Amino acid sequence: MRILVIALSGIGDALMFTPALKLLRQNLPDSKIDTLVMFSGARDLYQRLPYVDNVLFHNFMNSSYVESLNYVLSLRNKYDASINVYPSNRKEYNLINFLIGAKKRIGVRYLRNNFMNMGFLNNLVISENDDTHNVETNIHLAEFLTNKPSTHLSAMEFPLCENDLNFAELFMKEKTTDDQLCIGFHPGCSVLKNHINRRWEPQKFAALADKLVEKYNANIFIFGGPDEQNLKEEIVRFSVSDKVISVNTKNLGQTAALIKRMNVFVSNDSSLMHVASALGLKVVAIVGPTNTNYIKPWKTDYRIASLNLECAPCFFYSPKPLTCTRADKKYKCIQDLEVDMVFKEVEKFL
């Protein structure tokens, strides 16, 4: 069988499909399994996995409609089955899945705006469940091809290569000693569809860092992508400690190798939170409007820092931008989350 996994929605979503990829390879060892991505981090991830034959990359966001259409049509009728990873609830993703022309087009029937987003173009579907983790939903999609229910849910995978590990070793030798407590922060997250409002404030990350330095003499490492450089530097400026360090790497593999060296990882709901989970770290997830059932750290020890307001969660998978309907204070769920509350969750790991 020739299978194409369409993972266009981001690094974290691609990572949450890795247990399903493992399942496909174990049950269909002679099949050809390719992946289609449009983020370089997702390409880096899938190129590391032994379950994938080829990683196809096309930058749909920066290509014209004609260029993207021609690329998709170049894949037409080359696959027997295609899978839209969960979540992929945009009409563009469903249209791509349809145009590729696989006989089996696997996807999710979304609870919100499914018809508007052409979910009917998929011909093998499962119904979305707001109580189910993304990893489990992706495994259910893979079961259409394995033809049997899974008895074991695997951890996510982000393999590290020797170059990644060597980079992390040298970096840590310059910044700390073996016996020092190291805590990683990721203060960013996607900004698409107004999701910047899921971010905890940088001043609060800085205050949390100062409390951890003062009480535990911790080294604090601030992680983020190239587009989050200013955010990382802002936290360093807000902090009163010289033990708060902005991490700069060349690629996601180097970032992951450094994250692996942390004792605890504190993060907004983001791709790096899922990387930390895949690496087996202790994770403190800062969650505001997101449905925790979807994205909580998978198969690792974690704590959730959240106000659990009566209006939360208000963000479910939909193409609509994130909005807040509260009259008293917009995004109260994240804006009113205080430093001490997150600090107490981190302390449970120390």
Foldseek 3Di string as FASTA:
>chain_A
DEEEEEEEPDLQLLLLLQLLLVVLCVLPVPYAYEYEYADVQSVLQVVPDPSHDYYHYDNPVPDDPVVVVVVLLVLAPVGQEYEYQPPPQALVSLVSLLNSHHPAYEYEQEPPCNVVSPVVSGDHYYYDDLLAASSQRSNVRSCVVSVDHDPDGDFGAGDADPVLLVLLVVVDVVQHDPPAAEEEEEQAADPPLNCRLLGFDLLLVQVLVQVCCVPRVHQYEYDDDPVCVVSLVVSVVSHPDPSYYYDDDDGVSNVLSNLLVHQEYEYEQHSVQQSNLNSQHEYEYEGFQDSCSHGPRPPHHYHYQWPPDPCHNPDDDDPHRDFADDPPDTSCGRHVRHSVSSSVRVVVSD
